[in-house]
Amino acid sequence: MKICSITPVLNEEFFIENFIISNSKYVDEMIISDGGSKDNTLNIIQKYINMGFNIKLIHHTQGKAYTDEFNQDSCLNAMIDLAKDYDYIIQLDADEELLNHHVILKEIINIFLRMNILLLKLKVYHYQSD
């Protein structure tokens, strides 16, 4: 079972390093689409690409950076097209981690496959510790 994560980013220098390190343990490839970052996000991503992490970086701004009004559908579709050879695609934000739940996730996927359910949307709860 091959899993790919897709993640749109914009100015995520405070989160992207931890995102890459933690999630690379649980997915086979990360596809990250930058929407015009002006901070150190791209340098951090490139550092991990150079270290051999399986990351595909694309630049997808449609002529402008991501904003609240920016329709990210075309960005997500571009990443999904790049991930079409994977069995499963997980959309994550740069401040999300899979932690140790990858085994549970794979079990859930297998259960739903046995039930012929092909689309699964999970609610992710964010928490912040002090």
Protein backbone atom coordinates (compact mmCIF):
# COMPACT_ATOMS: atom_id res chain seq x y z
CA MET A 1 0.00 0.00 0.00
CA LYS A 2 1.60 3.27 -1.15
CA ILE A 3 0.55 6.56 0.43
CA CYS A 4 1.28 10.08 -0.78
CA SER A 5 0.58 13.31 1.06
CA ILE A 6 -0.34 16.53 -0.72
CA THR A 7 0.15 19.86 0.99
CA PRO A 8 -0.31 23.44 -0.21
CA VAL A 9 2.01 25.86 1.60
CA LEU A 10 2.51 29.59 1.93
CA ASN A 11 5.01 31.11 4.36
CA GLU A 12 5.19 28.02 6.57
CA GLU A 13 8.79 28.34 7.76
CA PHE A 14 7.79 27.78 11.40
CA PHE A 15 6.00 24.48 10.65
CA ILE A 16 7.46 22.94 7.49
CA GLU A 17 10.58 21.34 8.96
CA ASN A 18 8.67 19.46 11.65
CA PHE A 19 6.02 18.57 9.06
CA ILE A 20 8.61 17.01 6.74
CA ILE A 21 10.44 15.11 9.46
CA SER A 22 7.36 13.71 11.18
CA ASN A 23 5.27 12.83 8.12
CA SER A 24 8.08 11.37 6.03
CA LYS A 25 8.00 8.35 8.36
CA TYR A 26 4.46 7.48 7.33
CA VAL A 27 4.05 8.40 3.68
CA ASP A 28 5.97 7.20 0.65
CA GLU A 29 6.14 10.66 -0.94
CA MET A 30 5.18 14.22 -0.07
CA ILE A 31 3.98 16.55 -2.80
CA ILE A 32 4.22 20.15 -1.64
CA SER A 33 2.83 23.02 -3.66
CA ASP A 34 4.16 26.46 -2.80
CA GLY A 35 1.82 29.36 -3.43
CA GLY A 36 4.45 32.14 -3.45
CA SER A 37 6.18 31.97 -0.07
CA LYS A 38 8.25 35.01 0.83
CA ASP A 39 9.88 33.54 3.95
CA ASN A 40 12.35 30.64 4.33
CA THR A 41 9.83 27.90 3.47
CA LEU A 42 11.33 27.00 0.08
CA ASN A 43 14.89 26.88 1.44
CA ILE A 44 13.84 24.49 4.19
CA ILE A 45 11.99 22.23 1.74
CA GLN A 46 14.97 22.26 -0.64
CA LYS A 47 17.31 21.32 2.22
CA TYR A 48 15.30 18.15 2.82
CA ILE A 49 15.07 17.36 -0.89
CA ASN A 50 18.88 17.63 -1.03
CA MET A 51 19.11 15.29 1.97
CA GLY A 52 17.20 12.63 0.00
CA PHE A 53 13.70 12.99 1.43
CA ASN A 54 11.07 11.91 -1.09
CA ILE A 55 9.50 15.31 -1.73
CA LYS A 56 8.16 16.68 -4.97
CA LEU A 57 8.00 20.50 -4.85
CA ILE A 58 5.85 22.41 -7.28
CA HIS A 59 5.17 26.12 -7.61
CA HIS A 60 1.52 26.88 -8.20
CA THR A 61 0.55 30.50 -7.82
CA GLN A 62 -1.70 31.16 -10.82
CA GLY A 63 -0.05 34.55 -11.03
CA LYS A 64 -0.67 35.43 -7.37
CA ALA A 65 0.10 34.08 -3.93
CA TYR A 66 -2.44 32.07 -1.95
CA THR A 67 -4.95 34.20 -0.12
CA ASP A 68 -8.21 33.50 1.65
CA GLU A 69 -9.94 34.32 -1.64
CA PHE A 70 -7.61 32.11 -3.68
CA ASN A 71 -9.36 29.07 -5.08
CA GLN A 72 -7.04 26.20 -4.18
CA ASP A 73 -8.97 23.66 -6.25
CA SER A 74 -6.60 23.89 -9.21
CA CYS A 75 -3.62 23.56 -6.87
CA LEU A 76 -5.07 20.45 -5.23
CA ASN A 77 -5.98 18.98 -8.62
CA ALA A 78 -2.40 19.52 -9.84
CA MET A 79 -1.04 17.67 -6.81
CA ILE A 80 -3.59 14.87 -7.18
CA ASP A 81 -2.55 14.46 -10.83
CA LEU A 82 1.06 14.04 -9.68
CA ALA A 83 0.01 11.48 -7.06
CA LYS A 84 -2.23 9.38 -9.31
CA ASP A 85 0.08 6.34 -9.17
CA TYR A 86 -0.32 6.03 -5.39
CA ASP A 87 -2.93 3.85 -3.73
CA TYR A 88 -3.94 6.60 -1.30
CA ILE A 89 -3.59 10.35 -1.13
CA ILE A 90 -3.76 12.24 2.14
CA GLN A 91 -4.22 16.00 2.16
CA LEU A 92 -2.37 17.60 5.07
CA ASP A 93 -1.71 21.16 6.12
CA ALA A 94 1.86 22.13 6.97
CA ASP A 95 1.01 22.30 10.67
CA GLU A 96 -0.40 18.75 10.80
CA GLU A 97 1.37 15.55 11.76
CA LEU A 98 0.39 11.92 11.36
CA LEU A 99 2.32 10.95 14.51
CA ASN A 100 2.02 7.25 15.32
CA HIS A 101 -1.39 6.80 13.74
CA HIS A 102 -0.13 5.46 10.42
CA VAL A 103 -0.78 1.84 11.45
CA ILE A 104 -4.32 2.72 12.50
CA LEU A 105 -4.82 4.67 9.26
CA LYS A 106 -3.73 1.69 7.16
CA GLU A 107 -6.09 -0.59 9.12
CA ILE A 108 -8.99 1.82 8.60
CA ILE A 109 -8.24 1.96 4.87
CA ASN A 110 -8.17 -1.86 4.67
CA ILE A 111 -11.49 -2.15 6.49
CA PHE A 112 -13.14 0.34 4.14
CA LEU A 113 -11.67 -1.41 1.11
CA ARG A 114 -13.17 -4.70 2.22
CA MET A 115 -16.50 -2.86 2.41
CA ASN A 116 -15.96 -1.41 -1.12
CA ILE A 117 -15.82 2.15 0.20
CA LEU A 118 -13.37 4.09 -1.93
CA LEU A 119 -13.60 7.61 -0.49
CA LEU A 120 -12.77 8.33 3.12
CA LYS A 121 -12.74 11.69 4.84
CA LEU A 122 -11.46 11.86 8.38
CA LYS A 123 -11.92 14.75 10.76
CA VAL A 124 -8.60 15.90 12.18
CA TYR A 125 -8.53 17.66 15.49
CA HIS A 126 -5.83 20.23 16.10
CA TYR A 127 -4.42 20.69 19.53
CA GLN A 128 -1.62 22.81 20.86
CA SER A 129 0.28 21.95 23.99
CA ASP A 130 1.86 24.55 26.24
